[in-house]
């Protein structure tokens, strides 16, 4: 979804707002899906801001990305798609 390829004629452009900033996303996915993803990212950033009110937007975005990746990896493990690594 995130990358732009040389041939993006068939891709859809969707303008979304995340944490007050607008972005144009070029994707094969439906506009509804892109909006759902964007709302999820926005919600994660706002959640991080509530917990860490003094962080700037860049740091909020990184923390949100870490939390989203954590959610994703836990879901994969729960579904048996990934094995647990031992420390």
PDB file of N, CA and C in Angstrom:
ATOM      1  N   UNK A   1       0.819  -1.184   0.000  1.00  0.00           N
ATOM      2  CA  UNK A   1       0.000   0.000   0.000  1.00  0.00           C
ATOM      3  C   UNK A   1       0.867   1.254   0.000  1.00  0.00           C
ATOM      4  N   UNK A   2       1.952   1.274   0.723  1.00  0.00           N
ATOM      5  CA  UNK A   2       2.683   2.512   0.926  1.00  0.00           C
ATOM      6  C   UNK A   2       3.599   2.892  -0.231  1.00  0.00           C
ATOM      7  N   UNK A   3       4.138   1.925  -0.932  1.00  0.00           N
ATOM      8  CA  UNK A   3       5.118   2.241  -1.955  1.00  0.00           C
ATOM      9  C   UNK A   3       4.503   2.671  -3.262  1.00  0.00           C
ATOM     10  N   UNK A   4       5.211   3.547  -3.973  1.00  0.00           N
ATOM     11  CA  UNK A   4       4.774   3.950  -5.300  1.00  0.00           C
ATOM     12  C   UNK A   4       5.614   3.190  -6.311  1.00  0.00           C
ATOM     13  N   UNK A   5       4.950   2.540  -7.251  1.00  0.00           N
ATOM     14  CA  UNK A   5       5.640   1.822  -8.303  1.00  0.00           C
ATOM     15  C   UNK A   5       5.583   2.652  -9.571  1.00  0.00           C
ATOM     16  N   UNK A   6       6.401   2.297 -10.564  1.00  0.00           N
ATOM     17  CA  UNK A   6       6.449   3.047 -11.811  1.00  0.00           C
ATOM     18  C   UNK A   6       5.090   3.063 -12.499  1.00  0.00           C
ATOM     19  N   UNK A   7       4.351   1.961 -12.415  1.00  0.00           N
ATOM     20  CA  UNK A   7       3.054   1.884 -13.069  1.00  0.00           C
ATOM     21  C   UNK A   7       1.955   2.000 -12.025  1.00  0.00           C
ATOM     22  N   UNK A   8       1.521   3.235 -11.752  1.00  0.00           N
ATOM     23  CA  UNK A   8       0.470   3.401 -10.754  1.00  0.00           C
ATOM     24  C   UNK A   8      -0.817   3.908 -11.390  1.00  0.00           C
ATOM     25  N   UNK A   9      -0.991   3.631 -12.694  1.00  0.00           N
ATOM     26  CA  UNK A   9      -2.189   4.073 -13.397  1.00  0.00           C
ATOM     27  C   UNK A   9      -3.445   3.414 -12.845  1.00  0.00           C
ATOM     28  N   UNK A  10      -3.355   2.173 -12.393  1.00  0.00           N
ATOM     29  CA  UNK A  10      -4.512   1.443 -11.886  1.00  0.00           C
ATOM     30  C   UNK A  10      -4.746   1.688 -10.393  1.00  0.00           C
ATOM     31  N   UNK A  11      -3.871   2.411  -9.776  1.00  0.00           N
ATOM     32  CA  UNK A  11      -3.971   2.627  -8.337  1.00  0.00           C
ATOM     33  C   UNK A  11      -4.924   3.776  -8.030  1.00  0.00           C
ATOM     34  N   UNK A  12      -5.477   3.718  -6.828  1.00  0.00           N
ATOM     35  CA  UNK A  12      -6.420   4.744  -6.390  1.00  0.00           C
ATOM     36  C   UNK A  12      -5.696   5.742  -5.496  1.00  0.00           C
ATOM     37  N   UNK A  13      -6.082   7.005  -5.620  1.00  0.00           N
ATOM     38  CA  UNK A  13      -5.549   8.059  -4.764  1.00  0.00           C
ATOM     39  C   UNK A  13      -6.598   8.370  -3.703  1.00  0.00           C
ATOM     40  N   UNK A  14      -6.176   8.353  -2.459  1.00  0.00           N
ATOM     41  CA  UNK A  14      -7.075   8.665  -1.351  1.00  0.00           C
ATOM     42  C   UNK A  14      -6.390   9.687  -0.460  1.00  0.00           C
ATOM     43  N   UNK A  15      -7.075  10.772  -0.173  1.00  0.00           N
ATOM     44  CA  UNK A  15      -6.538  11.776   0.742  1.00  0.00           C
ATOM     45  C   UNK A  15      -7.077  11.480   2.134  1.00  0.00           C
ATOM     46  N   UNK A  16      -6.154  11.383   3.076  1.00  0.00           N
ATOM     47  CA  UNK A  16      -6.514  11.058   4.452  1.00  0.00           C
ATOM     48  C   UNK A  16      -5.903  12.100   5.384  1.00  0.00           C
ATOM     49  N   UNK A  17      -6.431  12.158   6.592  1.00  0.00           N
ATOM     50  CA  UNK A  17      -5.874  13.037   7.621  1.00  0.00           C
ATOM     51  C   UNK A  17      -5.439  12.179   8.792  1.00  0.00           C
ATOM     52  N   UNK A  18      -4.174  12.323   9.141  1.00  0.00           N
ATOM     53  CA  UNK A  18      -3.610  11.600  10.282  1.00  0.00           C
ATOM     54  C   UNK A  18      -2.961  12.631  11.194  1.00  0.00           C
ATOM     55  N   UNK A  19      -3.442  12.680  12.405  1.00  0.00           N
ATOM     56  CA  UNK A  19      -2.928  13.581  13.434  1.00  0.00           C
ATOM     57  C   UNK A  19      -2.856  15.028  12.929  1.00  0.00           C
ATOM     58  N   UNK A  20      -3.913  15.414  12.218  1.00  0.00           N
ATOM     59  CA  UNK A  20      -4.051  16.790  11.762  1.00  0.00           C
ATOM     60  C   UNK A  20      -3.372  17.133  10.452  1.00  0.00           C
ATOM     61  N   UNK A  21      -2.629  16.208   9.867  1.00  0.00           N
ATOM     62  CA  UNK A  21      -1.949  16.451   8.592  1.00  0.00           C
ATOM     63  C   UNK A  21      -2.585  15.615   7.493  1.00  0.00           C
ATOM     64  N   UNK A  22      -2.691  16.192   6.298  1.00  0.00           N
ATOM     65  CA  UNK A  22      -3.266  15.466   5.166  1.00  0.00           C
ATOM     66  C   UNK A  22      -2.171  14.763   4.377  1.00  0.00           C
ATOM     67  N   UNK A  23      -2.499  13.562   3.906  1.00  0.00           N
ATOM     68  CA  UNK A  23      -1.603  12.755   3.095  1.00  0.00           C
ATOM     69  C   UNK A  23      -2.396  12.188   1.930  1.00  0.00           C
ATOM     70  N   UNK A  24      -1.760  12.070   0.783  1.00  0.00           N
ATOM     71  CA  UNK A  24      -2.371  11.376  -0.337  1.00  0.00           C
ATOM     72  C   UNK A  24      -1.726  10.003  -0.416  1.00  0.00           C
ATOM     73  N   UNK A  25      -2.552   8.976  -0.305  1.00  0.00           N
ATOM     74  CA  UNK A  25      -2.078   7.598  -0.346  1.00  0.00           C
ATOM     75  C   UNK A  25      -2.448   7.022  -1.705  1.00  0.00           C
ATOM     76  N   UNK A  26      -1.461   6.440  -2.384  1.00  0.00           N
ATOM     77  CA  UNK A  26      -1.691   5.779  -3.671  1.00  0.00           C
ATOM     78  C   UNK A  26      -1.624   4.286  -3.413  1.00  0.00           C
ATOM     79  N   UNK A  27      -2.714   3.581  -3.748  1.00  0.00           N
ATOM     80  CA  UNK A  27      -2.810   2.178  -3.339  1.00  0.00           C
ATOM     81  C   UNK A  27      -3.722   1.387  -4.261  1.00  0.00           C
ATOM     82  N   UNK A  28      -3.527   0.077  -4.275  1.00  0.00           N
ATOM     83  CA  UNK A  28      -4.442  -0.846  -4.952  1.00  0.00           C
ATOM     84  C   UNK A  28      -5.681  -1.090  -4.097  1.00  0.00           C
ATOM     85  N   UNK A  29      -5.591  -0.789  -2.826  1.00  0.00           N
ATOM     86  CA  UNK A  29      -6.675  -1.069  -1.883  1.00  0.00           C
ATOM     87  C   UNK A  29      -7.827  -0.088  -2.075  1.00  0.00           C
ATOM     88  N   UNK A  30      -9.000  -0.476  -1.573  1.00  0.00           N
ATOM     89  CA  UNK A  30     -10.167   0.391  -1.672  1.00  0.00           C
ATOM     90  C   UNK A  30      -9.970   1.634  -0.798  1.00  0.00           C
ATOM     91  N   UNK A  31     -10.696   2.688  -1.150  1.00  0.00           N
ATOM     92  CA  UNK A  31     -10.624   3.910  -0.355  1.00  0.00           C
ATOM     93  C   UNK A  31     -11.080   3.640   1.079  1.00  0.00           C
ATOM     94  N   UNK A  32     -12.072   2.774   1.240  1.00  0.00           N
ATOM     95  CA  UNK A  32     -12.543   2.424   2.572  1.00  0.00           C
ATOM     96  C   UNK A  32     -11.449   1.791   3.407  1.00  0.00           C
ATOM     97  N   UNK A  33     -10.678   0.892   2.791  1.00  0.00           N
ATOM     98  CA  UNK A  33      -9.577   0.241   3.504  1.00  0.00           C
ATOM     99  C   UNK A  33      -8.508   1.256   3.890  1.00  0.00           C
ATOM    100  N   UNK A  34      -8.145   2.116   2.951  1.00  0.00           N
ATOM    101  CA  UNK A  34      -7.132   3.142   3.228  1.00  0.00           C
ATOM    102  C   UNK A  34      -7.604   4.051   4.354  1.00  0.00           C
ATOM    103  N   UNK A  35      -8.877   4.420   4.338  1.00  0.00           N
ATOM    104  CA  UNK A  35      -9.422   5.252   5.414  1.00  0.00           C
ATOM    105  C   UNK A  35      -9.401   4.525   6.751  1.00  0.00           C
ATOM    106  N   UNK A  36      -9.718   3.229   6.756  1.00  0.00           N
ATOM    107  CA  UNK A  36      -9.674   2.438   7.994  1.00  0.00           C
ATOM    108  C   UNK A  36      -8.256   2.402   8.559  1.00  0.00           C
ATOM    109  N   UNK A  37      -7.276   2.161   7.699  1.00  0.00           N
ATOM    110  CA  UNK A  37      -5.876   2.118   8.127  1.00  0.00           C
ATOM    111  C   UNK A  37      -5.462   3.472   8.690  1.00  0.00           C
ATOM    112  N   UNK A  38      -5.845   4.520   7.998  1.00  0.00           N
ATOM    113  CA  UNK A  38      -5.480   5.871   8.425  1.00  0.00           C
ATOM    114  C   UNK A  38      -6.104   6.217   9.778  1.00  0.00           C
ATOM    115  N   UNK A  39      -7.350   5.845   9.966  1.00  0.00           N
ATOM    116  CA  UNK A  39      -8.011   6.090  11.262  1.00  0.00           C
ATOM    117  C   UNK A  39      -7.318   5.314  12.381  1.00  0.00           C
ATOM    118  N   UNK A  40      -6.873   4.102  12.085  1.00  0.00           N
ATOM    119  CA  UNK A  40      -6.178   3.290  13.075  1.00  0.00           C
ATOM    120  C   UNK A  40      -4.861   3.955  13.483  1.00  0.00           C
ATOM    121  N   UNK A  41      -4.100   4.421  12.495  1.00  0.00           N
ATOM    122  CA  UNK A  41      -2.831   5.100  12.774  1.00  0.00           C
ATOM    123  C   UNK A  41      -3.089   6.383  13.571  1.00  0.00           C
ATOM    124  N   UNK A  42      -4.093   7.149  13.165  1.00  0.00           N
ATOM    125  CA  UNK A  42      -4.443   8.376  13.872  1.00  0.00           C
ATOM    126  C   UNK A  42      -4.797   8.071  15.334  1.00  0.00           C
ATOM    127  N   UNK A  43      -5.587   7.040  15.548  1.00  0.00           N
ATOM    128  CA  UNK A  43      -5.983   6.672  16.909  1.00  0.00           C
ATOM    129  C   UNK A  43      -4.773   6.262  17.742  1.00  0.00           C
ATOM    130  N   UNK A  44      -3.856   5.516  17.156  1.00  0.00           N
ATOM    131  CA  UNK A  44      -2.650   5.101  17.880  1.00  0.00           C
ATOM    132  C   UNK A  44      -1.804   6.309  18.255  1.00  0.00           C
ATOM    133  N   UNK A  45      -1.673   7.268  17.330  1.00  0.00           N
ATOM    134  CA  UNK A  45      -0.887   8.461  17.636  1.00  0.00           C
ATOM    135  C   UNK A  45      -1.534   9.255  18.767  1.00  0.00           C
ATOM    136  N   UNK A  46      -2.849   9.369  18.742  1.00  0.00           N
ATOM    137  CA  UNK A  46      -3.552  10.109  19.792  1.00  0.00           C
ATOM    138  C   UNK A  46      -3.450   9.374  21.141  1.00  0.00           C
ATOM    139  N   UNK A  47      -3.468   8.053  21.091  1.00  0.00           N
ATOM    140  CA  UNK A  47      -3.286   7.258  22.311  1.00  0.00           C
ATOM    141  C   UNK A  47      -1.899   7.503  22.907  1.00  0.00           C
ATOM    142  N   UNK A  48      -0.881   7.527  22.050  1.00  0.00           N
ATOM    143  CA  UNK A  48       0.481   7.786  22.510  1.00  0.00           C
ATOM    144  C   UNK A  48       0.599   9.197  23.083  1.00  0.00           C
ATOM    145  N   UNK A  49      -0.101  10.164  22.495  1.00  0.00           N
ATOM    146  CA  UNK A  49      -0.063  11.542  22.989  1.00  0.00           C
ATOM    147  C   UNK A  49      -0.682  11.648  24.377  1.00  0.00           C
ATOM    148  N   UNK A  50      -1.772  10.894  24.612  1.00  0.00           N
ATOM    149  CA  UNK A  50      -2.396  10.900  25.940  1.00  0.00           C
ATOM    150  C   UNK A  50      -1.439  10.360  26.998  1.00  0.00           C
ATOM    151  N   UNK A  51      -0.692   9.342  26.644  1.00  0.00           N
ATOM    152  CA  UNK A  51       0.240   8.713  27.586  1.00  0.00           C
ATOM    153  C   UNK A  51       1.514   9.544  27.730  1.00  0.00           C
ATOM    154  N   UNK A  52       1.937  10.189  26.637  1.00  0.00           N
ATOM    155  CA  UNK A  52       3.186  10.954  26.597  1.00  0.00           C
ATOM    156  C   UNK A  52       2.907  12.353  26.046  1.00  0.00           C
ATOM    157  N   UNK A  53       2.299  13.237  26.810  1.00  0.00           N
ATOM    158  CA  UNK A  53       1.820  14.517  26.277  1.00  0.00           C
ATOM    159  C   UNK A  53       2.906  15.469  25.789  1.00  0.00           C
ATOM    160  N   UNK A  54       4.153  15.248  26.128  1.00  0.00           N
ATOM    161  CA  UNK A  54       5.211  16.175  25.750  1.00  0.00           C
ATOM    162  C   UNK A  54       6.000  15.745  24.518  1.00  0.00           C
ATOM    163  N   UNK A  55       5.627  14.639  23.904  1.00  0.00           N
ATOM    164  CA  UNK A  55       6.361  14.165  22.732  1.00  0.00           C
ATOM    165  C   UNK A  55       5.977  14.948  21.488  1.00  0.00           C
ATOM    166  N   UNK A  56       6.969  15.159  20.617  1.00  0.00           N
ATOM    167  CA  UNK A  56       6.677  15.818  19.344  1.00  0.00           C
ATOM    168  C   UNK A  56       6.072  14.807  18.373  1.00  0.00           C
ATOM    169  N   UNK A  57       5.594  15.310  17.244  1.00  0.00           N
ATOM    170  CA  UNK A  57       4.877  14.464  16.281  1.00  0.00           C
ATOM    171  C   UNK A  57       5.735  13.334  15.746  1.00  0.00           C
ATOM    172  N   UNK A  58       6.997  13.599  15.472  1.00  0.00           N
ATOM    173  CA  UNK A  58       7.879  12.549  14.938  1.00  0.00           C
ATOM    174  C   UNK A  58       8.015  11.405  15.928  1.00  0.00           C
ATOM    175  N   UNK A  59       8.227  11.725  17.173  1.00  0.00           N
ATOM    176  CA  UNK A  59       8.367  10.671  18.188  1.00  0.00           C
ATOM    177  C   UNK A  59       7.043   9.944  18.419  1.00  0.00           C
ATOM    178  N   UNK A  60       5.938  10.681  18.354  1.00  0.00           N
ATOM    179  CA  UNK A  60       4.630  10.033  18.459  1.00  0.00           C
ATOM    180  C   UNK A  60       4.433   9.038  17.327  1.00  0.00           C
ATOM    181  N   UNK A  61       4.827   9.434  16.121  1.00  0.00           N
ATOM    182  CA  UNK A  61       4.679   8.552  14.962  1.00  0.00           C
ATOM    183  C   UNK A  61       5.508   7.281  15.131  1.00  0.00           C
ATOM    184  N   UNK A  62       6.730   7.419  15.634  1.00  0.00           N
ATOM    185  CA  UNK A  62       7.585   6.243  15.847  1.00  0.00           C
ATOM    186  C   UNK A  62       6.980   5.330  16.909  1.00  0.00           C
ATOM    187  N   UNK A  63       6.513   5.905  18.021  1.00  0.00           N
ATOM    188  CA  UNK A  63       5.881   5.085  19.057  1.00  0.00           C
ATOM    189  C   UNK A  63       4.623   4.403  18.539  1.00  0.00           C
ATOM    190  N   UNK A  64       3.840   5.121  17.752  1.00  0.00           N
ATOM    191  CA  UNK A  64       2.637   4.522  17.166  1.00  0.00           C
ATOM    192  C   UNK A  64       3.027   3.364  16.257  1.00  0.00           C
ATOM    193  N   UNK A  65       4.067   3.547  15.442  1.00  0.00           N
ATOM    194  CA  UNK A  65       4.523   2.478  14.544  1.00  0.00           C
ATOM    195  C   UNK A  65       4.979   1.255  15.337  1.00  0.00           C
ATOM    196  N   UNK A  66       5.688   1.480  16.435  1.00  0.00           N
ATOM    197  CA  UNK A  66       6.137   0.364  17.281  1.00  0.00           C
ATOM    198  C   UNK A  66       4.935  -0.377  17.856  1.00  0.00           C
ATOM    199  N   UNK A  67       3.947   0.368  18.340  1.00  0.00           N
ATOM    200  CA  UNK A  67       2.751  -0.257  18.911  1.00  0.00           C
ATOM    201  C   UNK A  67       1.940  -0.996  17.858  1.00  0.00           C
ATOM    202  N   UNK A  68       1.834  -0.443  16.661  1.00  0.00           N
ATOM    203  CA  UNK A  68       1.112  -1.114  15.582  1.00  0.00           C
ATOM    204  C   UNK A  68       1.834  -2.388  15.172  1.00  0.00           C
ATOM    205  N   UNK A  69       3.170  -2.324  15.072  1.00  0.00           N
ATOM    206  CA  UNK A  69       3.948  -3.523  14.739  1.00  0.00           C
ATOM    207  C   UNK A  69       3.793  -4.573  15.832  1.00  0.00           C
ATOM    208  N   UNK A  70       3.777  -4.146  17.084  1.00  0.00           N
ATOM    209  CA  UNK A  70       3.572  -5.061  18.208  1.00  0.00           C
ATOM    210  C   UNK A  70       2.213  -5.752  18.102  1.00  0.00           C
ATOM    211  N   UNK A  71       1.163  -4.961  17.837  1.00  0.00           N
ATOM    212  CA  UNK A  71      -0.179  -5.539  17.654  1.00  0.00           C
ATOM    213  C   UNK A  71      -0.177  -6.566  16.534  1.00  0.00           C
ATOM    214  N   UNK A  72       0.451  -6.222  15.431  1.00  0.00           N
ATOM    215  CA  UNK A  72       0.491  -7.092  14.257  1.00  0.00           C
ATOM    216  C   UNK A  72       1.229  -8.402  14.557  1.00  0.00           C
ATOM    217  N   UNK A  73       2.399  -8.293  15.169  1.00  0.00           N
ATOM    218  CA  UNK A  73       3.174  -9.497  15.457  1.00  0.00           C
ATOM    219  C   UNK A  73       2.476 -10.391  16.472  1.00  0.00           C
ATOM    220  N   UNK A  74       1.840  -9.794  17.480  1.00  0.00           N
ATOM    221  CA  UNK A  74       1.083 -10.592  18.443  1.00  0.00           C
ATOM    222  C   UNK A  74      -0.076 -11.314  17.769  1.00  0.00           C
ATOM    223  N   UNK A  75      -0.744 -10.635  16.852  1.00  0.00           N
ATOM    224  CA  UNK A  75      -1.851 -11.258  16.138  1.00  0.00           C
ATOM    225  C   UNK A  75      -1.342 -12.429  15.286  1.00  0.00           C
ATOM    226  N   UNK A  76      -0.208 -12.244  14.622  1.00  0.00           N
ATOM    227  CA  UNK A  76       0.359 -13.336  13.830  1.00  0.00           C
ATOM    228  C   UNK A  76       0.708 -14.526  14.717  1.00  0.00           C
ATOM    229  N   UNK A  77       1.300 -14.260  15.867  1.00  0.00           N
ATOM    230  CA  UNK A  77       1.650 -15.343  16.791  1.00  0.00           C
ATOM    231  C   UNK A  77       0.399 -16.045  17.300  1.00  0.00           C
ATOM    232  N   UNK A  78      -0.643 -15.260  17.628  1.00  0.00           N
ATOM    233  CA  UNK A  78      -1.901 -15.840  18.104  1.00  0.00           C
ATOM    234  C   UNK A  78      -2.534 -16.741  17.054  1.00  0.00           C
ATOM    235  N   UNK A  79      -2.339 -16.409  15.789  1.00  0.00           N
ATOM    236  CA  UNK A  79      -2.912 -17.196  14.699  1.00  0.00           C
ATOM    237  C   UNK A  79      -1.977 -18.310  14.238  1.00  0.00           C
ATOM    238  N   UNK A  80      -0.834 -18.438  14.917  1.00  0.00           N
ATOM    239  CA  UNK A  80       0.104 -19.502  14.575  1.00  0.00           C
ATOM    240  C   UNK A  80       0.908 -19.239  13.329  1.00  0.00           C
ATOM    241  N   UNK A  81       0.953 -17.995  12.886  1.00  0.00           N
ATOM    242  CA  UNK A  81       1.678 -17.658  11.668  1.00  0.00           C
ATOM    243  C   UNK A  81       3.150 -17.362  11.945  1.00  0.00           C
ATOM    244  N   UNK A  82       3.475 -17.164  13.224  1.00  0.00           N
ATOM    245  CA  UNK A  82       4.852 -16.902  13.630  1.00  0.00           C
ATOM    246  C   UNK A  82       5.166 -17.743  14.841  1.00  0.00           C
ATOM    247  N   UNK A  83       6.405 -18.169  14.970  1.00  0.00           N
ATOM    248  CA  UNK A  83       6.785 -18.924  16.155  1.00  0.00           C
ATOM    249  C   UNK A  83       7.304 -17.959  17.204  1.00  0.00           C
ATOM    250  N   UNK A  84       7.135 -18.311  18.458  1.00  0.00           N
ATOM    251  CA  UNK A  84       7.664 -17.511  19.564  1.00  0.00           C
ATOM    252  C   UNK A  84       9.175 -17.671  19.589  1.00  0.00           C
ATOM    253  N   UNK A  85       9.887 -16.570  19.668  1.00  0.00           N
ATOM    254  CA  UNK A  85      11.336 -16.644  19.820  1.00  0.00           C
ATOM    255  C   UNK A  85      11.676 -16.614  21.290  1.00  0.00           C
ATOM    256  N   UNK A  86      12.666 -17.397  21.648  1.00  0.00           N
ATOM    257  CA  UNK A  86      13.105 -17.431  23.044  1.00  0.00           C
ATOM    258  C   UNK A  86      14.166 -16.360  23.260  1.00  0.00           C
ATOM    259  N   UNK A  87      14.158 -15.752  24.432  1.00  0.00           N
ATOM    260  CA  UNK A  87      15.164 -14.737  24.759  1.00  0.00           C
ATOM    261  C   UNK A  87      16.455 -15.373  25.179  1.00  0.00           C
TER     262      UNK A  87
END
